[in-house]
Protein backbone atom coordinates (compact mmCIF):
# COMPACT_ATOMS: atom_id res chain seq x y z
CA MET A 1 0.00 0.00 0.00
CA THR A 2 1.34 3.38 -0.97
CA LEU A 3 1.08 6.16 1.56
CA HIS A 4 0.57 9.59 0.06
CA VAL A 5 1.73 12.54 2.12
CA PHE A 6 0.26 15.93 1.27
CA MET A 7 2.09 19.06 2.38
CA ILE A 8 0.36 22.41 2.75
CA VAL A 9 2.69 25.32 2.18
CA ILE A 10 1.63 28.73 3.50
CA LEU A 11 3.36 31.57 1.74
CA PRO A 12 4.32 34.37 4.12
CA SER A 13 3.10 37.04 1.71
CA LEU A 14 -0.39 35.58 1.85
CA CYS A 15 -0.61 35.39 5.63
CA SER A 16 -2.64 38.15 7.22
CA ALA A 17 -0.76 40.15 9.82
CA ALA A 18 -2.18 42.37 12.55
CA ILE A 19 -1.84 46.08 11.98
CA SER A 20 1.21 47.55 13.70
CA CYS A 21 3.71 50.37 13.73
CA TYR A 22 6.58 49.36 11.46
CA GLY A 23 10.19 50.22 12.10
CA ASP A 24 12.87 51.50 9.79
CA HIS A 25 13.98 48.02 8.75
CA GLY A 26 10.58 46.59 7.89
CA GLN A 27 9.80 44.89 11.18
CA PRO A 28 6.67 45.37 13.32
CA VAL A 29 7.58 47.41 16.41
CA ASP A 30 5.78 48.23 19.64
CA TRP A 31 6.57 51.93 19.18
CA PHE A 32 8.81 54.34 17.34
CA ILE A 33 9.64 58.04 17.41
CA VAL A 34 10.69 59.96 14.30
CA TYR A 35 12.17 63.47 14.25
CA LYS A 36 12.01 64.88 10.72
CA LEU A 37 14.90 67.33 10.41
CA PRO A 38 14.49 70.83 8.93
CA ARG A 39 15.86 71.53 5.49
CA LEU A 40 19.50 72.04 6.44
CA ASP A 41 20.93 71.87 2.90
CA HIS A 42 19.78 72.40 -0.67
CA THR A 43 20.39 68.89 -1.98
CA SER A 44 17.60 66.78 -3.45
CA GLU A 45 17.30 65.07 -0.06
CA GLY A 46 17.10 68.31 1.92
CA GLY A 47 14.10 68.45 4.20
CA MET A 48 13.38 64.72 3.99
CA LYS A 49 16.01 63.31 6.36
CA TYR A 50 15.07 62.18 9.84
CA MET A 51 16.32 60.72 13.10
CA TYR A 52 14.73 57.56 14.46
CA GLN A 53 14.41 55.52 17.63
CA ASP A 54 12.56 52.46 18.88
CA HIS A 55 13.07 49.98 21.72
CA THR A 56 16.11 48.43 20.02
CA SER A 57 18.04 51.56 19.03
CA GLU A 58 19.11 52.82 22.49
CA GLY A 59 18.34 56.39 21.46
CA TRP A 60 18.57 58.35 18.21
CA VAL A 61 19.96 56.84 15.02
CA ARG A 62 19.87 58.23 11.49
CA GLY A 63 16.78 57.34 9.51
CA ALA A 64 17.22 54.44 7.10
CA ALA A 65 15.36 56.15 4.25
CA LEU A 66 13.73 59.50 3.41
CA MET A 67 10.37 60.78 4.63
CA ASN A 68 8.79 60.48 1.17
CA SER A 69 9.75 56.82 0.90
CA THR A 70 7.61 53.82 1.77
CA GLU A 71 10.84 52.36 3.15
CA SER A 72 10.81 54.87 6.01
CA ALA A 73 9.20 53.95 9.33
CA VAL A 74 6.33 56.40 8.77
CA GLY A 75 5.95 55.29 5.15
CA ARG A 76 5.93 51.57 6.02
CA THR A 77 3.41 52.15 8.78
CA LEU A 78 1.00 54.24 6.72
CA SER A 79 1.29 51.91 3.71
CA GLN A 80 -1.00 49.58 5.64
CA LEU A 81 -3.72 52.23 5.35
CA TYR A 82 -3.45 52.53 1.56
CA GLN A 83 -3.39 48.75 1.14
CA SER A 84 -6.40 47.99 3.35
CA SER A 85 -8.65 51.07 3.37
CA GLN A 86 -11.38 49.35 1.33
CA SER A 87 -11.59 46.41 3.73
CA LYS A 88 -14.50 46.10 6.14
CA ASN A 89 -12.09 44.39 8.53
CA VAL A 90 -10.28 47.61 9.40
CA ALA A 91 -11.26 50.97 10.89
CA TYR A 92 -9.37 54.22 10.46
CA VAL A 93 -9.48 57.94 11.18
CA LEU A 94 -7.20 60.53 9.59
CA TYR A 95 -7.38 63.93 11.26
CA ASN A 96 -5.55 67.22 10.84
CA ASP A 97 -6.50 70.82 11.62
CA GLN A 98 -4.66 71.61 8.36
CA PRO A 99 -5.91 68.81 6.06
CA PRO A 100 -4.24 67.99 2.73
CA ALA A 101 -6.87 69.50 0.43
CA ASN A 102 -8.94 71.84 2.59
CA MET A 103 -8.67 75.10 4.46
CA SER A 104 -7.26 75.11 7.97
CA ASN A 105 -9.69 74.71 10.86
CA ALA A 106 -8.74 77.19 13.59
CA ILE A 107 -11.86 76.51 15.66
CA ARG A 108 -11.46 72.84 16.44
CA GLY A 109 -8.47 71.19 18.14
CA HIS A 110 -4.89 71.82 17.08
CA THR A 111 -4.42 68.10 16.46
CA LYS A 112 -2.87 65.84 13.84
CA GLY A 113 -2.79 62.05 13.66
CA VAL A 114 -3.84 58.70 12.23
CA VAL A 115 -5.63 55.77 13.85
CA LEU A 116 -5.73 52.43 12.00
CA LEU A 117 -6.82 49.13 13.53
CA ASP A 118 -8.28 45.71 12.95
CA LYS A 119 -10.04 43.51 15.50
CA GLN A 120 -6.73 42.40 17.02
CA GLN A 121 -4.70 45.58 17.30
CA GLY A 122 -3.69 48.78 15.55
CA PHE A 123 -1.64 51.95 15.83
CA TRP A 124 -2.11 55.56 16.88
CA LEU A 125 0.32 57.87 15.07
CA ILE A 126 0.51 61.39 16.53
CA HIS A 127 2.40 63.98 14.48
CA SER A 128 2.89 67.69 13.80
CA THR A 129 2.80 67.87 9.99
CA PRO A 130 0.26 70.05 8.12
CA ARG A 131 -1.33 68.62 4.92
CA PHE A 132 -0.31 65.08 5.86
CA PRO A 133 -0.91 62.23 5.18
CA PRO A 134 -2.81 61.86 1.87
CA SER A 135 -6.34 60.45 2.01
CA SER A 136 -6.79 56.68 1.95
CA SER A 137 -7.88 56.72 -1.72
CA GLN A 138 -4.46 58.05 -2.72
CA LYS A 139 -0.96 56.76 -1.96
CA TYR A 140 1.75 57.58 0.54
CA ASP A 141 3.64 60.79 -0.15
CA TRP A 142 5.29 63.70 1.63
CA PRO A 143 3.95 67.24 1.05
CA SER A 144 6.38 69.78 -0.41
CA SER A 145 5.00 72.33 2.06
CA ALA A 146 6.52 70.29 4.91
CA LEU A 147 10.10 70.17 3.65
CA ARG A 148 11.43 73.33 5.29
CA ASN A 149 10.63 72.74 8.96
CA GLY A 150 11.27 70.01 11.52
CA GLN A 151 8.37 67.68 12.43
CA SER A 152 7.77 65.05 15.14
CA PHE A 153 6.05 61.67 15.11
CA ILE A 154 5.26 59.03 17.71
CA CYS A 155 3.64 55.74 16.74
CA VAL A 156 2.47 53.18 19.30
CA THR A 157 0.94 49.77 18.60
CA TYR A 158 -2.04 49.09 20.87
CA PRO A 159 -4.28 46.07 21.45
CA TYR A 160 -7.87 46.45 20.26
CA SER A 161 -9.22 47.13 23.75
CA GLN A 162 -7.20 50.37 24.07
CA PHE A 163 -8.95 52.08 21.18
CA LYS A 164 -11.98 52.65 23.37
CA GLU A 165 -9.83 54.97 25.50
CA ILE A 166 -8.14 56.48 22.46
CA GLY A 167 -11.55 57.35 21.00
CA THR A 168 -12.42 59.21 24.19
CA GLN A 169 -9.14 61.15 24.06
CA LEU A 170 -9.94 62.20 20.49
CA MET A 171 -13.34 63.47 21.66
CA TYR A 172 -11.54 65.75 24.14
CA ASN A 173 -9.07 66.80 21.44
CA THR A 174 -11.96 67.85 19.17
CA ILE A 175 -10.21 66.46 16.10
CA THR A 176 -10.84 67.55 12.50
CA PRO A 177 -11.28 64.23 10.64
CA TYR A 178 -10.86 64.44 6.86
CA ASP A 179 -11.03 60.72 6.03
CA SER A 180 -12.46 57.90 8.12
CA SER A 181 -14.20 54.55 8.09
CA ILE A 182 -15.65 52.93 11.21
CA PRO A 183 -17.59 49.84 10.07
CA ASP A 184 -20.54 48.67 12.18
CA THR A 185 -18.49 45.78 13.54
CA PHE A 186 -16.21 48.36 15.23
CA SER A 187 -18.58 51.18 16.17
CA GLY A 188 -20.44 49.16 18.82
CA ASP A 189 -17.20 48.47 20.70
CA LEU A 190 -15.70 51.90 20.10
CA PRO A 191 -18.51 54.45 20.38
CA ASP A 192 -16.27 57.44 21.11
CA LEU A 193 -13.94 56.68 18.20
CA ASN A 194 -17.01 56.59 15.97
CA SER A 195 -18.27 59.86 17.48
CA ALA A 196 -14.88 61.56 17.08
CA ALA A 197 -14.86 60.53 13.41
CA MET A 198 -18.20 62.36 13.07
CA LYS A 199 -16.76 65.56 14.63
CA LYS A 200 -18.52 65.11 17.94
CA GLN A 201 -16.89 66.30 21.18
CA VAL A 202 -17.33 66.15 24.93
CA THR A 203 -20.15 68.36 26.20
CA LYS A 204 -19.62 68.53 29.96
CA PRO A 205 -16.74 68.90 32.43
CA PRO A 206 -14.11 67.94 33.27
CA TRP A 207 -12.57 69.55 30.18
CA ASN A 208 -9.34 67.56 30.32
CA ARG A 209 -8.58 63.85 30.62
CA GLN A 210 -5.44 61.90 31.49
CA VAL A 211 -5.29 58.15 30.87
CA THR A 212 -2.64 55.43 30.81
CA LEU A 213 -2.56 53.56 27.51
CA THR A 214 -0.73 50.24 27.48
CA SER A 215 0.93 49.18 24.23
CA ALA A 216 0.65 45.74 22.69
CA GLY A 217 4.05 45.01 24.20
CA GLY A 218 2.97 46.08 27.68
CA LYS A 219 4.63 49.52 27.72
CA PRO A 220 2.66 52.28 29.52
CA PHE A 221 2.15 55.70 27.92
CA THR A 222 0.30 58.59 29.54
CA SER A 223 -2.07 60.46 27.24
CA PHE A 224 -3.07 64.04 28.05
CA ALA A 225 -6.05 65.43 26.12
CA LYS A 226 -7.69 68.80 26.67
CA HIS A 227 -10.83 70.42 25.29
CA ALA A 228 -10.97 74.08 24.26
CA ARG A 229 -12.94 74.89 27.40
CA PHE A 230 -10.02 73.79 29.58
CA GLY A 231 -8.83 77.33 28.89
CA ASP A 232 -5.16 77.02 29.79
CA ASP A 233 -1.77 76.14 28.35
CA LEU A 234 -1.35 72.38 28.05
CA TYR A 235 2.19 72.42 29.43
CA SER A 236 2.39 75.02 32.20
CA GLY A 237 -1.28 74.66 33.09
CA TRP A 238 -1.41 70.89 33.39
CA VAL A 239 1.40 68.56 32.26
CA SER A 240 4.12 70.09 34.46
CA GLU A 241 1.84 69.84 37.49
CA VAL A 242 1.02 66.18 36.87
CA LEU A 243 4.64 65.21 36.13
CA LYS A 244 5.82 67.36 39.08
CA SER A 245 8.73 68.78 37.16
CA ASP A 246 9.98 71.79 35.25
CA LEU A 247 9.52 71.37 31.51
CA CYS A 248 11.46 72.40 28.42
CA VAL A 249 9.01 72.67 25.51
CA GLN A 250 9.72 72.61 21.78
CA PHE A 251 6.99 74.16 19.61
CA TRP A 252 6.43 76.48 16.64
CA LEU A 253 7.85 79.84 17.71
CA ASN A 254 6.57 81.68 14.64
CA SER A 255 2.88 81.71 15.51
CA ARG A 256 1.05 84.70 16.99
CA GLY A 257 0.76 85.27 20.74
CA ILE A 258 3.63 83.03 21.86
CA LEU A 259 3.58 82.32 25.59
CA PRO A 260 6.93 83.22 27.18
CA SER A 261 8.73 80.91 29.57
CA ASN A 262 6.70 80.74 32.79
CA CYS A 263 8.30 80.71 36.24
CA SER A 264 5.27 81.96 38.18
CA LEU A 265 4.05 78.47 39.12
CA THR A 266 5.50 75.71 41.29
CA TYR A 267 7.02 74.05 38.25
CA HIS A 268 8.59 76.19 35.55
CA THR A 269 8.02 75.91 31.79
CA TYR A 270 10.80 76.97 29.44
CA ASP A 271 10.59 77.64 25.68
CA ILE A 272 13.33 75.86 23.73
CA GLN A 273 15.37 78.01 21.33
CA THR A 274 17.95 75.71 19.77
CA ILE A 275 18.07 71.96 19.04
CA SER A 276 21.25 69.88 18.67
CA PHE A 277 21.80 66.30 17.52
CA GLY A 278 25.50 66.68 18.21
CA SER A 279 28.00 68.99 16.54
CA ALA A 280 26.89 68.11 13.00
CA ILE A 281 23.16 68.88 13.31
CA ASN A 282 22.07 72.12 14.99
CA PHE A 283 19.03 74.25 14.21
CA SER A 284 16.79 76.95 15.58
CA SER A 285 13.30 76.30 16.92
CA HIS A 286 12.16 78.90 14.37
CA VAL A 287 12.59 76.24 11.66
CA ASP A 288 11.18 73.44 13.80
CA HIS A 289 7.44 72.71 13.72
CA SER A 290 7.74 69.65 16.02
CA LYS A 291 5.84 69.56 19.34
CA TRP A 292 7.44 67.89 22.33
CA CYS A 293 8.55 68.49 25.88
CA VAL A 294 10.98 66.93 28.33
CA THR A 295 11.15 67.16 32.11
CA TRP A 296 14.09 69.37 33.06
CA SER A 297 15.65 67.38 35.87
CA ASP A 298 18.94 65.70 36.68
CA SER A 299 17.37 62.28 37.20
CA ALA A 300 15.44 60.30 34.58
CA GLY A 301 12.01 61.73 33.95
CA TRP A 302 9.47 62.07 31.15
CA ALA A 303 9.40 62.95 27.46
CA CYS A 304 6.17 63.78 25.61
CA ILE A 305 5.37 64.09 21.89
CA GLY A 306 2.14 65.72 20.76
CA ASP A 307 0.50 68.32 18.56
CA MET A 308 0.16 71.56 20.56
CA ASN A 309 2.03 74.88 20.67
CA ARG A 310 2.32 77.35 23.52
CA ASN A 311 0.36 80.42 22.41
CA ASN A 312 -2.72 82.39 23.40
CA GLU A 313 -4.95 80.88 20.73
CA GLU A 314 -4.20 77.28 21.65
CA MET A 315 -5.08 77.87 25.27
CA GLN A 316 -8.61 77.98 23.82
CA ARG A 317 -8.28 74.95 21.53
CA GLY A 318 -8.23 71.20 22.04
CA GLY A 319 -5.12 69.05 21.72
CA GLY A 320 -2.76 66.88 23.70
CA THR A 321 0.47 65.00 24.12
CA LEU A 322 1.64 61.42 24.75
CA CYS A 323 4.25 60.87 27.47
CA SER A 324 6.69 58.12 28.38
CA SER A 325 8.82 57.67 31.50
CA ASP A 326 11.31 55.47 29.61
CA PRO A 327 14.76 56.73 30.77
CA ILE A 328 16.31 56.20 27.32
CA ILE A 329 13.60 58.25 25.60
CA TRP A 330 13.89 60.93 28.29
CA LYS A 331 17.66 61.20 27.88
CA SER A 332 17.40 61.24 24.09
CA PHE A 333 15.17 64.33 24.23
CA LYS A 334 16.93 66.08 27.10
CA THR A 335 20.23 66.01 25.22
CA LEU A 336 18.57 67.75 22.26
CA VAL A 337 18.05 70.96 24.24
CA SER A 338 20.94 73.24 23.29
CA LYS A 339 19.39 76.55 24.41
CA TYR A 340 16.17 77.63 26.09
CA ASN A 341 14.67 80.89 27.31
CA THR A 342 14.88 81.54 31.02
CA CYS A 343 12.20 83.66 32.66
CA GLU A 344 12.48 87.44 32.56
């Protein structure tokens, strides 16, 4: 009797994979941070270079590609959106107070980001870039308007259960969604994410919300989200008090009504003036549109990446920041501060 053995071969390219942040070398990662550098030269690559870190890099390393490439961490991550946006098995929200094809929205929150998930997990990408990314019906690209200035990104992979909390944070942020899809199979579990995608917002106090979000890999991040009616600066009026530390804050110094460094409260808030990635890369905050802060202490503290400036207008707008107490992340941001404004 002849025994026939049948082998089933599963090709990796055909296997479905859970949605995730993707690192610079094509691997799924629990989180990454990208710092898009300003245009420091006039070469063809000027304005598209970036610094990168994740849990394996031990701090900043040079980006493996360019920001307009699908080989970059941001490009690899967002490629999942363009490949799966027609699927009923995924949900997504793209939001930006300066959307790619529309006029700016100065009434709603000063917020920018992307949420993409399936029923297992997904990512929340928070960034500072106007006119970015393209809608899901298009393809990944980098806007020419965002070449000149620095920009910041933080991507975290979260299990499905965390998107209920993320949806609530986006309600506080009062996001401006410009492309979204929340199929019925998601909206029942994630009512606030569905509401945020329809431009709804919180309607009663408290007007700010802090929550711990735990990544798919078990790493805690603290999310701060404020509504316009909070009526105060995100950093000096809230984050510094919660983190119990002085803060150095990087934000767009060219907007109207900039808030000066504040030493009137228990914890001081300082405006950063100059950024340095070592002797070879130095630039002014006036060409840096990124939004981040770091606790100004001798011992390991916190670093936060978000989407808010320090100015009079944004005291009356929604927005937020995402913070980590990882000592390597903290040190990587603290060493960037070359000069900051002391209080007058």
